[in-house]
Amino acid sequence: MSFRMPININDVRYLTVTDLLKEVGVTRQTLWRWRQEGKVPTGHRYRNRQVVFSPEEVEAISEYANRIEPIIGDGTTG
């Protein structure tokens, strides 16, 4: 995977899915699942059906990826 230049549209820097995954540190499958479940922004289709994300969407996805959740119950297994 190579890091590409961001796509600039109307002076807004959009990231491709590949670049977003590198920046946020999640897998493609995880991002797609979160999108399907409505947990993160879905992004936008650009020209050749490439999915791109605005800076605000990247921030929202990053915040979701790095959230801290409480442990339910006593935190033990079994």
C-alpha atoms as a PDB file:
ATOM      1  CA  MET A   1       0.000   0.000   0.000  1.00  0.00           C
ATOM      2  CA  SER A   2       1.466   3.318  -0.977  1.00  0.00           C
ATOM      3  CA  PHE A   3       0.457   6.657   0.488  1.00  0.00           C
ATOM      4  CA  ARG A   4      -1.104   8.783  -2.249  1.00  0.00           C
ATOM      5  CA  MET A   5      -1.563  12.498  -2.435  1.00  0.00           C
ATOM      6  CA  PRO A   6      -4.898  13.666  -1.011  1.00  0.00           C
ATOM      7  CA  ILE A   7      -7.552  14.624  -3.529  1.00  0.00           C
ATOM      8  CA  ASN A   8      -8.316  18.347  -3.496  1.00  0.00           C
ATOM      9  CA  ILE A   9     -11.864  19.258  -4.501  1.00  0.00           C
ATOM     10  CA  ASN A  10     -12.914  22.901  -4.199  1.00  0.00           C
ATOM     11  CA  ASP A  11      -9.967  23.547  -1.870  1.00  0.00           C
ATOM     12  CA  VAL A  12     -10.997  20.709   0.471  1.00  0.00           C
ATOM     13  CA  ARG A  13      -8.498  17.893   1.100  1.00  0.00           C
ATOM     14  CA  TYR A  14     -10.247  14.518   0.782  1.00  0.00           C
ATOM     15  CA  LEU A  15      -8.589  11.222   1.684  1.00  0.00           C
ATOM     16  CA  THR A  16      -9.051   7.986  -0.226  1.00  0.00           C
ATOM     17  CA  VAL A  17     -10.039   4.845   1.659  1.00  0.00           C
ATOM     18  CA  THR A  18      -6.456   3.550   1.464  1.00  0.00           C
ATOM     19  CA  ASP A  19      -5.066   6.757   2.948  1.00  0.00           C
ATOM     20  CA  LEU A  20      -7.789   6.890   5.605  1.00  0.00           C
ATOM     21  CA  LEU A  21      -7.003   3.331   6.704  1.00  0.00           C
ATOM     22  CA  LYS A  22      -3.329   4.191   7.129  1.00  0.00           C
ATOM     23  CA  GLU A  23      -4.095   7.383   9.035  1.00  0.00           C
ATOM     24  CA  VAL A  24      -6.689   5.857  11.360  1.00  0.00           C
ATOM     25  CA  GLY A  25      -5.082   2.417  11.723  1.00  0.00           C
ATOM     26  CA  VAL A  26      -8.042   0.126  11.043  1.00  0.00           C
ATOM     27  CA  THR A  27      -8.647  -2.547   8.428  1.00  0.00           C
ATOM     28  CA  ARG A  28     -10.795  -2.126   5.337  1.00  0.00           C
ATOM     29  CA  GLN A  29     -13.253  -4.713   6.704  1.00  0.00           C
ATOM     30  CA  THR A  30     -13.615  -2.811   9.982  1.00  0.00           C
ATOM     31  CA  LEU A  31     -14.249   0.487   8.192  1.00  0.00           C
ATOM     32  CA  TRP A  32     -16.823  -1.119   5.916  1.00  0.00           C
ATOM     33  CA  ARG A  33     -18.609  -2.755   8.880  1.00  0.00           C
ATOM     34  CA  TRP A  34     -18.726   0.545  10.780  1.00  0.00           C
ATOM     35  CA  ARG A  35     -20.131   2.265   7.677  1.00  0.00           C
ATOM     36  CA  GLN A  36     -22.797  -0.445   7.235  1.00  0.00           C
ATOM     37  CA  GLU A  37     -23.771  -0.169  10.910  1.00  0.00           C
ATOM     38  CA  GLY A  38     -24.018   3.644  10.688  1.00  0.00           C
ATOM     39  CA  LYS A  39     -21.301   4.178  13.304  1.00  0.00           C
ATOM     40  CA  VAL A  40     -19.106   6.369  11.082  1.00  0.00           C
ATOM     41  CA  PRO A  41     -19.643   8.620   8.042  1.00  0.00           C
ATOM     42  CA  THR A  42     -19.986   6.771   4.744  1.00  0.00           C
ATOM     43  CA  GLY A  43     -17.859   9.174   2.689  1.00  0.00           C
ATOM     44  CA  HIS A  44     -18.533  10.357  -0.863  1.00  0.00           C
ATOM     45  CA  ARG A  45     -18.237   8.821  -4.323  1.00  0.00           C
ATOM     46  CA  TYR A  46     -15.789  10.647  -6.580  1.00  0.00           C
ATOM     47  CA  ARG A  47     -15.446  10.350 -10.356  1.00  0.00           C
ATOM     48  CA  ASN A  48     -14.499   6.714 -10.950  1.00  0.00           C
ATOM     49  CA  ARG A  49     -16.648   5.584  -8.006  1.00  0.00           C
ATOM     50  CA  GLN A  50     -13.693   6.019  -5.674  1.00  0.00           C
ATOM     51  CA  VAL A  51     -14.788   6.624  -2.069  1.00  0.00           C
ATOM     52  CA  VAL A  52     -13.258   9.705  -0.448  1.00  0.00           C
ATOM     53  CA  PHE A  53     -13.594  11.272   3.001  1.00  0.00           C
ATOM     54  CA  SER A  54     -13.595  14.943   4.017  1.00  0.00           C
ATOM     55  CA  PRO A  55     -11.438  16.179   6.919  1.00  0.00           C
ATOM     56  CA  GLU A  56     -14.504  16.244   9.189  1.00  0.00           C
ATOM     57  CA  GLU A  57     -15.350  12.652   8.275  1.00  0.00           C
ATOM     58  CA  VAL A  58     -11.746  11.550   8.847  1.00  0.00           C
ATOM     59  CA  GLU A  59     -11.854  13.173  12.296  1.00  0.00           C
ATOM     60  CA  ALA A  60     -15.156  11.464  13.169  1.00  0.00           C
ATOM     61  CA  ILE A  61     -13.818   8.069  12.069  1.00  0.00           C
ATOM     62  CA  SER A  62     -10.582   8.610  13.981  1.00  0.00           C
ATOM     63  CA  GLU A  63     -12.508   9.561  17.128  1.00  0.00           C
ATOM     64  CA  TYR A  64     -14.691   6.467  16.805  1.00  0.00           C
ATOM     65  CA  ALA A  65     -11.667   4.226  16.212  1.00  0.00           C
ATOM     66  CA  ASN A  66      -9.941   5.592  19.324  1.00  0.00           C
ATOM     67  CA  ARG A  67     -12.937   5.718  21.658  1.00  0.00           C
ATOM     68  CA  ILE A  68     -12.814   4.325  25.165  1.00  0.00           C
ATOM     69  CA  GLU A  69     -15.754   2.198  26.257  1.00  0.00           C
ATOM     70  CA  PRO A  70     -16.664   1.094  29.772  1.00  0.00           C
ATOM     71  CA  ILE A  71     -16.286  -2.561  30.670  1.00  0.00           C
ATOM     72  CA  ILE A  72     -19.692  -4.170  31.115  1.00  0.00           C
ATOM     73  CA  GLY A  73     -20.050  -6.320  34.234  1.00  0.00           C
ATOM     74  CA  ASP A  74     -16.953  -7.185  36.233  1.00  0.00           C
ATOM     75  CA  GLY A  75     -14.655  -7.460  33.189  1.00  0.00           C
ATOM     76  CA  THR A  76     -13.847 -11.137  33.672  1.00  0.00           C
ATOM     77  CA  THR A  77     -14.502 -13.974  31.273  1.00  0.00           C
ATOM     78  CA  GLY A  78     -16.130 -17.301  32.026  1.00  0.00           C
END
